[in-house]
Amino acid sequence: MTDALKQLIEAAKTIEQTKQDLEQQRRSFAYGNTKFENEMITRAMIDDQAEKLRSVNLK
């Protein structure tokens, strides 16, 4: 591992993700895993389901 890469990794450890960042990462993860299994999955489908789950969790 190069020194530059080590420095970047250490710098990344100090960054705190916002709730928006975490949600975007969660959706990206869900899309990547479902798209792998089913080519018909779209990002819009993931977003729709995430919004439905969010509205249920807010109640």
N, C-alpha and C. Protein backbone atom coordinates (compact mmCIF):
# COMPACT_ATOMS: atom_id res chain seq x y z
N MET A 1 0.86 -1.17 0.00
CA MET A 1 0.00 0.00 0.00
C MET A 1 0.91 1.23 0.00
N THR A 2 0.60 2.17 -0.87
CA THR A 2 1.42 3.37 -0.95
C THR A 2 1.10 4.32 0.20
N ASP A 3 2.04 5.22 0.47
CA ASP A 3 1.81 6.21 1.53
C ASP A 3 0.62 7.10 1.20
N ALA A 4 0.48 7.45 -0.07
CA ALA A 4 -0.64 8.30 -0.47
C ALA A 4 -1.97 7.62 -0.19
N LEU A 5 -2.04 6.33 -0.48
CA LEU A 5 -3.27 5.59 -0.23
C LEU A 5 -3.54 5.49 1.27
N LYS A 6 -2.50 5.25 2.04
CA LYS A 6 -2.65 5.20 3.50
C LYS A 6 -3.19 6.52 4.04
N GLN A 7 -2.68 7.63 3.52
CA GLN A 7 -3.15 8.95 3.95
C GLN A 7 -4.62 9.15 3.59
N LEU A 8 -5.00 8.74 2.40
CA LEU A 8 -6.40 8.87 1.99
C LEU A 8 -7.32 8.03 2.87
N ILE A 9 -6.90 6.84 3.20
CA ILE A 9 -7.71 5.97 4.06
C ILE A 9 -7.87 6.59 5.44
N GLU A 10 -6.80 7.12 5.99
CA GLU A 10 -6.87 7.76 7.30
C GLU A 10 -7.78 8.99 7.26
N ALA A 11 -7.68 9.77 6.19
CA ALA A 11 -8.53 10.96 6.05
C ALA A 11 -9.99 10.56 5.94
N ALA A 12 -10.27 9.48 5.22
CA ALA A 12 -11.66 9.02 5.04
C ALA A 12 -12.27 8.58 6.36
N LYS A 13 -11.46 8.09 7.26
CA LYS A 13 -11.97 7.62 8.56
C LYS A 13 -12.54 8.76 9.40
N THR A 14 -12.14 9.98 9.13
CA THR A 14 -12.58 11.12 9.94
C THR A 14 -13.85 11.77 9.40
N ILE A 15 -14.29 11.37 8.23
CA ILE A 15 -15.46 11.98 7.61
C ILE A 15 -16.73 11.32 8.15
N GLU A 16 -17.64 12.14 8.63
CA GLU A 16 -18.92 11.62 9.11
C GLU A 16 -19.96 11.78 8.00
N GLN A 17 -20.64 10.69 7.71
CA GLN A 17 -21.67 10.73 6.68
C GLN A 17 -22.95 11.33 7.24
N THR A 18 -23.63 12.10 6.40
CA THR A 18 -24.92 12.65 6.79
C THR A 18 -25.99 11.57 6.62
N LYS A 19 -27.17 11.84 7.14
CA LYS A 19 -28.28 10.89 6.95
C LYS A 19 -28.57 10.71 5.46
N GLN A 20 -28.45 11.81 4.71
CA GLN A 20 -28.69 11.75 3.27
C GLN A 20 -27.64 10.86 2.59
N ASP A 21 -26.37 11.00 2.99
CA ASP A 21 -25.31 10.16 2.44
C ASP A 21 -25.58 8.68 2.72
N LEU A 22 -25.97 8.38 3.95
CA LEU A 22 -26.24 6.99 4.33
C LEU A 22 -27.42 6.41 3.55
N GLU A 23 -28.45 7.23 3.35
CA GLU A 23 -29.62 6.77 2.59
C GLU A 23 -29.24 6.50 1.14
N GLN A 24 -28.45 7.39 0.57
CA GLN A 24 -28.01 7.21 -0.82
C GLN A 24 -27.16 5.94 -0.94
N GLN A 25 -26.30 5.70 0.01
CA GLN A 25 -25.47 4.50 0.01
C GLN A 25 -26.33 3.25 0.17
N ARG A 26 -27.33 3.31 1.05
CA ARG A 26 -28.23 2.17 1.27
C ARG A 26 -28.97 1.81 -0.01
N ARG A 27 -29.47 2.83 -0.69
CA ARG A 27 -30.20 2.58 -1.94
C ARG A 27 -29.28 2.03 -3.02
N SER A 28 -28.08 2.55 -3.09
CA SER A 28 -27.12 2.07 -4.08
C SER A 28 -26.78 0.60 -3.83
N PHE A 29 -26.61 0.25 -2.56
CA PHE A 29 -26.33 -1.13 -2.18
C PHE A 29 -27.50 -2.03 -2.57
N ALA A 30 -28.70 -1.59 -2.26
CA ALA A 30 -29.90 -2.38 -2.59
C ALA A 30 -30.02 -2.56 -4.10
N TYR A 31 -29.77 -1.50 -4.85
CA TYR A 31 -29.86 -1.58 -6.31
C TYR A 31 -28.83 -2.56 -6.85
N GLY A 32 -27.59 -2.42 -6.40
CA GLY A 32 -26.53 -3.29 -6.90
C GLY A 32 -26.80 -4.76 -6.63
N ASN A 33 -27.30 -5.05 -5.45
CA ASN A 33 -27.56 -6.45 -5.10
C ASN A 33 -28.77 -7.02 -5.81
N THR A 34 -29.80 -6.21 -5.99
CA THR A 34 -30.99 -6.74 -6.67
C THR A 34 -30.80 -6.78 -8.18
N LYS A 35 -30.10 -5.82 -8.73
CA LYS A 35 -29.84 -5.79 -10.18
C LYS A 35 -29.02 -7.01 -10.59
N PHE A 36 -28.14 -7.44 -9.72
CA PHE A 36 -27.32 -8.62 -9.97
C PHE A 36 -28.21 -9.86 -10.15
N GLU A 37 -29.27 -9.92 -9.38
CA GLU A 37 -30.17 -11.08 -9.41
C GLU A 37 -31.28 -10.94 -10.46
N ASN A 38 -31.67 -9.69 -10.76
CA ASN A 38 -32.81 -9.47 -11.64
C ASN A 38 -32.53 -8.24 -12.51
N GLU A 39 -32.27 -8.46 -13.79
CA GLU A 39 -31.93 -7.38 -14.72
C GLU A 39 -33.05 -6.37 -14.92
N MET A 40 -34.28 -6.71 -14.52
CA MET A 40 -35.41 -5.81 -14.73
C MET A 40 -35.52 -4.74 -13.64
N ILE A 41 -34.73 -4.85 -12.58
CA ILE A 41 -34.76 -3.88 -11.49
C ILE A 41 -34.19 -2.55 -11.97
N THR A 42 -34.86 -1.47 -11.59
CA THR A 42 -34.38 -0.13 -11.93
C THR A 42 -34.13 0.67 -10.66
N ARG A 43 -33.37 1.74 -10.79
CA ARG A 43 -33.14 2.62 -9.64
C ARG A 43 -34.45 3.24 -9.17
N ALA A 44 -35.33 3.52 -10.11
CA ALA A 44 -36.63 4.10 -9.74
C ALA A 44 -37.42 3.13 -8.86
N MET A 45 -37.33 1.85 -9.16
CA MET A 45 -38.03 0.85 -8.35
C MET A 45 -37.47 0.83 -6.93
N ILE A 46 -36.16 0.93 -6.81
CA ILE A 46 -35.51 0.97 -5.49
C ILE A 46 -35.95 2.22 -4.74
N ASP A 47 -35.96 3.36 -5.44
CA ASP A 47 -36.37 4.61 -4.80
C ASP A 47 -37.83 4.54 -4.34
N ASP A 48 -38.70 3.98 -5.17
CA ASP A 48 -40.11 3.85 -4.80
C ASP A 48 -40.27 3.02 -3.52
N GLN A 49 -39.60 1.90 -3.47
CA GLN A 49 -39.71 1.03 -2.29
C GLN A 49 -39.10 1.68 -1.06
N ALA A 50 -38.00 2.40 -1.24
CA ALA A 50 -37.36 3.08 -0.11
C ALA A 50 -38.29 4.15 0.45
N GLU A 51 -38.98 4.87 -0.42
CA GLU A 51 -39.92 5.89 0.04
C GLU A 51 -41.09 5.27 0.78
N LYS A 52 -41.57 4.13 0.28
CA LYS A 52 -42.67 3.44 0.97
C LYS A 52 -42.22 2.99 2.36
N LEU A 53 -41.03 2.43 2.45
CA LEU A 53 -40.51 2.01 3.75
C LEU A 53 -40.32 3.20 4.69
N ARG A 54 -39.85 4.30 4.14
CA ARG A 54 -39.64 5.50 4.95
C ARG A 54 -40.96 6.01 5.51
N SER A 55 -42.00 6.02 4.69
CA SER A 55 -43.30 6.52 5.16
C SER A 55 -43.88 5.59 6.23
N VAL A 56 -43.64 4.30 6.13
CA VAL A 56 -44.11 3.35 7.14
C VAL A 56 -43.35 3.57 8.45
N ASN A 57 -42.06 3.82 8.35
CA ASN A 57 -41.23 4.02 9.55
C ASN A 57 -41.52 5.34 10.24
N LEU A 58 -42.08 6.31 9.52
CA LEU A 58 -42.38 7.61 10.12
C LEU A 58 -43.68 7.58 10.92
N LYS A 59 -44.50 6.57 10.69
CA LYS A 59 -45.80 6.49 11.37
C LYS A 59 -45.65 5.99 12.78
